[in-house]
Amino acid sequence: MKTIIIILSISFASLGYLNAQNLYSTSNGETSFFSETPVENIAAVNKFGQAILNTSTNDIVVQMNMKQFDFPNKLMQEHFNENYIESAKYPKAVFKGKINEKIDFTKNGTYDISATGDFNLHGVSKPRTFKGKITVAQGSIGLTTDFEVALTEHNIEVPKVVFMKIAQTIQVKNKYSLAPYVSKK
């Protein structure tokens, strides 16, 4: 976590956004995906998603290491990393954006939100707006999203021999719990 926080903090600092009392972060956010087809369902989860949120500017960065997705079937995991996502070449998925709604992060509650920015997956960056919910409770911030990723938008090719086994649009869910950032000097 220390490495990602340092990288993200440098990014925020270079943009003039760094104010430690307004930063919330996590290195154990959960991202899962599901691909449903008549032939075979594919599911995986990554419990090491990293995020940092600046509550004074609404800037948010979320990233994950693609090799940290865990599949129930290890052969699927190998194919995911080597043949589809090409994790050695494109190791991370990253979203850098801004929450569009004005949220009072000092008040407990659940808020519908959207965040607009750039989503980079498989080396292809696309402008995206993701919808979700933020829950503020006792000094922590929960973030959940549910969205789709079309494989063709990120140049993820599926060989014809397995085309019927892999959905062309993947359902993705995120569940992150962010705590106030504490400098580890």
C-alpha atoms as a PDB file:
ATOM      1  CA  MET A   1       0.000   0.000   0.000  1.00  0.00           C
ATOM      2  CA  LYS A   2       2.815   2.386   0.830  1.00  0.00           C
ATOM      3  CA  THR A   3       4.055   2.365  -2.781  1.00  0.00           C
ATOM      4  CA  ILE A   4       0.645   3.134  -4.283  1.00  0.00           C
ATOM      5  CA  ILE A   5      -0.077   5.879  -1.757  1.00  0.00           C
ATOM      6  CA  ILE A   6       3.271   7.484  -2.502  1.00  0.00           C
ATOM      7  CA  ILE A   7       2.633   7.317  -6.266  1.00  0.00           C
ATOM      8  CA  LEU A   8      -0.922   8.602  -5.964  1.00  0.00           C
ATOM      9  CA  SER A   9       0.126  11.301  -3.477  1.00  0.00           C
ATOM     10  CA  ILE A  10       2.822  12.499  -5.880  1.00  0.00           C
ATOM     11  CA  SER A  11       0.202  12.606  -8.637  1.00  0.00           C
ATOM     12  CA  PHE A  12      -2.145  14.646  -6.461  1.00  0.00           C
ATOM     13  CA  ALA A  13       0.669  16.898  -5.213  1.00  0.00           C
ATOM     14  CA  SER A  14       1.783  17.652  -8.753  1.00  0.00           C
ATOM     15  CA  LEU A  15      -1.759  18.758  -9.483  1.00  0.00           C
ATOM     16  CA  GLY A  16      -1.896  20.876  -6.335  1.00  0.00           C
ATOM     17  CA  TYR A  17      -4.444  18.613  -4.662  1.00  0.00           C
ATOM     18  CA  LEU A  18      -2.501  17.305  -1.697  1.00  0.00           C
ATOM     19  CA  ASN A  19      -3.937  18.096   1.715  1.00  0.00           C
ATOM     20  CA  ALA A  20      -3.518  15.043   3.943  1.00  0.00           C
ATOM     21  CA  GLN A  21      -6.567  15.766   6.091  1.00  0.00           C
ATOM     22  CA  ASN A  22      -8.767  15.465   2.986  1.00  0.00           C
ATOM     23  CA  LEU A  23      -7.276  12.213   1.686  1.00  0.00           C
ATOM     24  CA  TYR A  24      -8.913   8.827   2.109  1.00  0.00           C
ATOM     25  CA  SER A  25      -7.319   5.625   0.830  1.00  0.00           C
ATOM     26  CA  THR A  26      -7.361   1.851   0.734  1.00  0.00           C
ATOM     27  CA  SER A  27      -5.207  -0.943  -0.620  1.00  0.00           C
ATOM     28  CA  ASN A  28      -7.723  -3.737  -0.103  1.00  0.00           C
ATOM     29  CA  GLY A  29     -10.682  -2.722  -2.210  1.00  0.00           C
ATOM     30  CA  GLU A  30     -12.613  -5.545  -3.796  1.00  0.00           C
ATOM     31  CA  THR A  31     -13.273  -5.719  -7.528  1.00  0.00           C
ATOM     32  CA  SER A  32     -15.070  -8.682  -9.014  1.00  0.00           C
ATOM     33  CA  PHE A  33     -16.204  -9.523 -12.494  1.00  0.00           C
ATOM     34  CA  PHE A  34     -18.594 -11.982 -14.029  1.00  0.00           C
ATOM     35  CA  SER A  35     -18.973 -13.252 -17.578  1.00  0.00           C
ATOM     36  CA  GLU A  36     -22.112 -15.239 -18.310  1.00  0.00           C
ATOM     37  CA  THR A  37     -22.577 -17.304 -21.457  1.00  0.00           C
ATOM     38  CA  PRO A  38     -24.711 -20.355 -22.270  1.00  0.00           C
ATOM     39  CA  VAL A  39     -21.538 -22.472 -22.334  1.00  0.00           C
ATOM     40  CA  GLU A  40     -19.619 -21.356 -19.241  1.00  0.00           C
ATOM     41  CA  ASN A  41     -19.642 -18.700 -16.518  1.00  0.00           C
ATOM     42  CA  ILE A  42     -16.410 -16.985 -15.563  1.00  0.00           C
ATOM     43  CA  ALA A  43     -15.929 -15.149 -12.281  1.00  0.00           C
ATOM     44  CA  ALA A  44     -12.927 -13.651 -10.510  1.00  0.00           C
ATOM     45  CA  VAL A  45     -12.191 -11.354  -7.596  1.00  0.00           C
ATOM     46  CA  ASN A  46      -9.320  -9.013  -6.752  1.00  0.00           C
ATOM     47  CA  LYS A  47      -9.168  -8.012  -3.068  1.00  0.00           C
ATOM     48  CA  PHE A  48      -6.188  -5.685  -3.439  1.00  0.00           C
ATOM     49  CA  GLY A  49      -7.646  -2.720  -5.332  1.00  0.00           C
ATOM     50  CA  GLN A  50      -6.047   0.586  -4.408  1.00  0.00           C
ATOM     51  CA  ALA A  51      -7.821   3.910  -4.260  1.00  0.00           C
ATOM     52  CA  ILE A  52      -7.251   7.427  -3.056  1.00  0.00           C
ATOM     53  CA  LEU A  53      -9.924  10.124  -2.787  1.00  0.00           C
ATOM     54  CA  ASN A  54      -9.390  13.818  -2.127  1.00  0.00           C
ATOM     55  CA  THR A  55     -12.623  14.994  -0.479  1.00  0.00           C
ATOM     56  CA  SER A  56     -11.855  18.686  -0.988  1.00  0.00           C
ATOM     57  CA  THR A  57     -11.486  18.366  -4.787  1.00  0.00           C
ATOM     58  CA  ASN A  58     -13.508  15.174  -5.466  1.00  0.00           C
ATOM     59  CA  ASP A  59     -10.511  13.737  -7.358  1.00  0.00           C
ATOM     60  CA  ILE A  60     -10.319   9.961  -7.259  1.00  0.00           C
ATOM     61  CA  VAL A  61      -7.815   7.402  -8.532  1.00  0.00           C
ATOM     62  CA  VAL A  62      -8.470   3.668  -8.471  1.00  0.00           C
ATOM     63  CA  GLN A  63      -6.015   1.065  -9.704  1.00  0.00           C
ATOM     64  CA  MET A  64      -5.455  -2.637  -9.502  1.00  0.00           C
ATOM     65  CA  ASN A  65      -2.861  -5.165 -10.467  1.00  0.00           C
ATOM     66  CA  MET A  66      -4.479  -7.462 -13.026  1.00  0.00           C
ATOM     67  CA  LYS A  67      -2.489 -10.500 -11.860  1.00  0.00           C
ATOM     68  CA  GLN A  68      -4.197 -10.262  -8.468  1.00  0.00           C
ATOM     69  CA  PHE A  69      -7.537 -11.456  -9.838  1.00  0.00           C
ATOM     70  CA  ASP A  70      -8.243 -14.849  -8.305  1.00  0.00           C
ATOM     71  CA  PHE A  71     -10.269 -17.410 -10.278  1.00  0.00           C
ATOM     72  CA  PRO A  72     -11.766 -20.644  -8.934  1.00  0.00           C
ATOM     73  CA  ASN A  73     -10.281 -22.357 -12.001  1.00  0.00           C
ATOM     74  CA  LYS A  74      -6.512 -21.775 -12.230  1.00  0.00           C
ATOM     75  CA  LEU A  75      -6.462 -22.558 -15.961  1.00  0.00           C
ATOM     76  CA  MET A  76      -8.944 -19.689 -16.495  1.00  0.00           C
ATOM     77  CA  GLN A  77      -6.660 -17.459 -14.448  1.00  0.00           C
ATOM     78  CA  GLU A  78      -3.690 -18.398 -16.610  1.00  0.00           C
ATOM     79  CA  HIS A  79      -5.632 -17.734 -19.839  1.00  0.00           C
ATOM     80  CA  PHE A  80      -6.921 -14.414 -18.451  1.00  0.00           C
ATOM     81  CA  ASN A  81      -3.402 -13.180 -17.665  1.00  0.00           C
ATOM     82  CA  GLU A  82      -1.574 -14.594 -20.678  1.00  0.00           C
ATOM     83  CA  ASN A  83      -4.068 -14.583 -23.553  1.00  0.00           C
ATOM     84  CA  TYR A  84      -6.681 -11.895 -22.894  1.00  0.00           C
ATOM     85  CA  ILE A  85      -5.513  -9.182 -20.496  1.00  0.00           C
ATOM     86  CA  GLU A  86      -1.817  -9.799 -21.246  1.00  0.00           C
ATOM     87  CA  SER A  87      -0.900  -8.835 -17.681  1.00  0.00           C
ATOM     88  CA  ALA A  88       2.849  -8.885 -18.324  1.00  0.00           C
ATOM     89  CA  LYS A  89       2.396  -6.171 -20.966  1.00  0.00           C
ATOM     90  CA  TYR A  90      -0.557  -4.328 -19.332  1.00  0.00           C
ATOM     91  CA  PRO A  91      -0.178  -4.973 -15.596  1.00  0.00           C
ATOM     92  CA  LYS A  92      -2.680  -2.445 -14.232  1.00  0.00           C
ATOM     93  CA  ALA A  93      -6.177  -1.118 -14.764  1.00  0.00           C
ATOM     94  CA  VAL A  94      -6.550   2.529 -13.685  1.00  0.00           C
ATOM     95  CA  PHE A  95      -9.386   5.008 -13.377  1.00  0.00           C
ATOM     96  CA  LYS A  96      -8.467   8.679 -12.790  1.00  0.00           C
ATOM     97  CA  GLY A  97     -11.400  11.013 -12.461  1.00  0.00           C
ATOM     98  CA  LYS A  98     -13.554  13.331 -10.443  1.00  0.00           C
ATOM     99  CA  ILE A  99     -16.788  12.749  -8.559  1.00  0.00           C
ATOM    100  CA  ASN A 100     -19.376  14.960 -10.210  1.00  0.00           C
ATOM    101  CA  GLU A 101     -21.687  15.559  -7.242  1.00  0.00           C
ATOM    102  CA  LYS A 102     -21.001  17.839  -4.288  1.00  0.00           C
ATOM    103  CA  ILE A 103     -20.869  15.579  -1.221  1.00  0.00           C
ATOM    104  CA  ASP A 104     -20.615  16.747   2.365  1.00  0.00           C
ATOM    105  CA  PHE A 105     -18.073  14.207   3.569  1.00  0.00           C
ATOM    106  CA  THR A 106     -18.512  15.421   7.169  1.00  0.00           C
ATOM    107  CA  LYS A 107     -22.108  14.113   7.331  1.00  0.00           C
ATOM    108  CA  ASN A 108     -23.012  10.452   7.619  1.00  0.00           C
ATOM    109  CA  GLY A 109     -25.230   9.224   4.812  1.00  0.00           C
ATOM    110  CA  THR A 110     -25.462   7.391   1.519  1.00  0.00           C
ATOM    111  CA  TYR A 111     -25.189   9.359  -1.706  1.00  0.00           C
ATOM    112  CA  ASP A 112     -25.759   8.435  -5.345  1.00  0.00           C
ATOM    113  CA  ILE A 113     -22.743   9.594  -7.309  1.00  0.00           C
ATOM    114  CA  SER A 114     -21.120   9.526 -10.714  1.00  0.00           C
ATOM    115  CA  ALA A 115     -17.447   9.944 -11.484  1.00  0.00           C
ATOM    116  CA  THR A 116     -16.098  11.043 -14.852  1.00  0.00           C
ATOM    117  CA  GLY A 117     -12.545  10.445 -15.998  1.00  0.00           C
ATOM    118  CA  ASP A 118     -10.274   8.152 -17.962  1.00  0.00           C
ATOM    119  CA  PHE A 119     -10.416   4.380 -17.581  1.00  0.00           C
ATOM    120  CA  ASN A 120      -7.307   2.566 -18.796  1.00  0.00           C
ATOM    121  CA  LEU A 121      -7.480  -1.182 -19.352  1.00  0.00           C
ATOM    122  CA  HIS A 122      -5.295  -3.336 -21.590  1.00  0.00           C
ATOM    123  CA  GLY A 123      -3.348  -0.250 -22.662  1.00  0.00           C
ATOM    124  CA  VAL A 124      -6.458   1.522 -23.992  1.00  0.00           C
ATOM    125  CA  SER A 125      -7.702   4.642 -22.223  1.00  0.00           C
ATOM    126  CA  LYS A 126     -11.358   5.587 -22.650  1.00  0.00           C
ATOM    127  CA  PRO A 127     -13.356   8.456 -21.164  1.00  0.00           C
ATOM    128  CA  ARG A 128     -15.986   6.947 -18.876  1.00  0.00           C
ATOM    129  CA  THR A 129     -18.587   7.986 -16.370  1.00  0.00           C
ATOM    130  CA  PHE A 130     -19.252   5.422 -13.669  1.00  0.00           C
ATOM    131  CA  LYS A 131     -22.291   5.529 -11.377  1.00  0.00           C
ATOM    132  CA  GLY A 132     -22.228   4.291  -7.825  1.00  0.00           C
ATOM    133  CA  LYS A 133     -22.838   5.063  -4.188  1.00  0.00           C
ATOM    134  CA  ILE A 134     -20.761   6.653  -1.485  1.00  0.00           C
ATOM    135  CA  THR A 135     -21.527   5.921   2.138  1.00  0.00           C
ATOM    136  CA  VAL A 136     -20.022   8.201   4.773  1.00  0.00           C
ATOM    137  CA  ALA A 137     -20.053   6.663   8.264  1.00  0.00           C
ATOM    138  CA  GLN A 138     -18.004   7.510  11.356  1.00  0.00           C
ATOM    139  CA  GLY A 139     -15.042   8.922   9.460  1.00  0.00           C
ATOM    140  CA  SER A 140     -14.775   6.279   6.754  1.00  0.00           C
ATOM    141  CA  ILE A 141     -16.038   6.308   3.186  1.00  0.00           C
ATOM    142  CA  GLY A 142     -17.539   3.336   1.400  1.00  0.00           C
ATOM    143  CA  LEU A 143     -17.609   3.300  -2.400  1.00  0.00           C
ATOM    144  CA  THR A 144     -19.570   0.848  -4.534  1.00  0.00           C
ATOM    145  CA  THR A 145     -19.987   0.717  -8.302  1.00  0.00           C
ATOM    146  CA  ASP A 146     -21.502  -1.693 -10.775  1.00  0.00           C
ATOM    147  CA  PHE A 147     -20.683  -1.277 -14.467  1.00  0.00           C
ATOM    148  CA  GLU A 148     -19.928  -3.063 -17.727  1.00  0.00           C
ATOM    149  CA  VAL A 149     -16.754  -3.286 -19.779  1.00  0.00           C
ATOM    150  CA  ALA A 150     -17.002  -4.152 -23.465  1.00  0.00           C
ATOM    151  CA  LEU A 151     -13.947  -6.175 -24.481  1.00  0.00           C
ATOM    152  CA  THR A 152     -13.779  -4.626 -27.954  1.00  0.00           C
ATOM    153  CA  GLU A 153     -13.471  -1.103 -26.481  1.00  0.00           C
ATOM    154  CA  HIS A 154     -10.149  -2.110 -24.930  1.00  0.00           C
ATOM    155  CA  ASN A 155      -8.836  -4.245 -27.800  1.00  0.00           C
ATOM    156  CA  ILE A 156      -9.218  -7.461 -25.814  1.00  0.00           C
ATOM    157  CA  GLU A 157      -9.446 -10.190 -28.421  1.00  0.00           C
ATOM    158  CA  VAL A 158     -11.222 -13.479 -27.874  1.00  0.00           C
ATOM    159  CA  PRO A 159     -10.157 -16.320 -30.184  1.00  0.00           C
ATOM    160  CA  LYS A 160     -13.034 -17.782 -32.213  1.00  0.00           C
ATOM    161  CA  VAL A 161     -12.463 -21.217 -30.669  1.00  0.00           C
ATOM    162  CA  VAL A 162     -13.583 -19.889 -27.231  1.00  0.00           C
ATOM    163  CA  PHE A 163     -15.826 -17.046 -28.462  1.00  0.00           C
ATOM    164  CA  MET A 164     -18.994 -18.744 -27.119  1.00  0.00           C
ATOM    165  CA  LYS A 165     -17.401 -19.262 -23.692  1.00  0.00           C
ATOM    166  CA  ILE A 166     -16.606 -15.600 -22.985  1.00  0.00           C
ATOM    167  CA  ALA A 167     -19.150 -12.791 -22.914  1.00  0.00           C
ATOM    168  CA  GLN A 168     -18.238  -9.756 -24.986  1.00  0.00           C
ATOM    169  CA  THR A 169     -19.383  -7.464 -22.169  1.00  0.00           C
ATOM    170  CA  ILE A 170     -18.145  -8.162 -18.648  1.00  0.00           C
ATOM    171  CA  GLN A 171     -20.057  -7.186 -15.499  1.00  0.00           C
ATOM    172  CA  VAL A 172     -17.768  -5.473 -12.960  1.00  0.00           C
ATOM    173  CA  LYS A 173     -18.510  -4.651  -9.310  1.00  0.00           C
ATOM    174  CA  ASN A 174     -16.379  -2.651  -6.888  1.00  0.00           C
ATOM    175  CA  LYS A 175     -16.633  -2.412  -3.129  1.00  0.00           C
ATOM    176  CA  TYR A 176     -14.042  -0.190  -1.443  1.00  0.00           C
ATOM    177  CA  SER A 177     -13.782   1.061   2.134  1.00  0.00           C
ATOM    178  CA  LEU A 178     -11.528   4.119   2.422  1.00  0.00           C
ATOM    179  CA  ALA A 179     -10.061   5.413   5.668  1.00  0.00           C
ATOM    180  CA  PRO A 180      -8.359   8.736   6.395  1.00  0.00           C
ATOM    181  CA  TYR A 181      -4.876   8.725   4.923  1.00  0.00           C
ATOM    182  CA  VAL A 182      -2.127   8.667   7.530  1.00  0.00           C
ATOM    183  CA  SER A 183       1.393   9.575   6.425  1.00  0.00           C
ATOM    184  CA  LYS A 184       3.912   6.809   7.156  1.00  0.00           C
ATOM    185  CA  LYS A 185       6.967   9.035   7.568  1.00  0.00           C
END
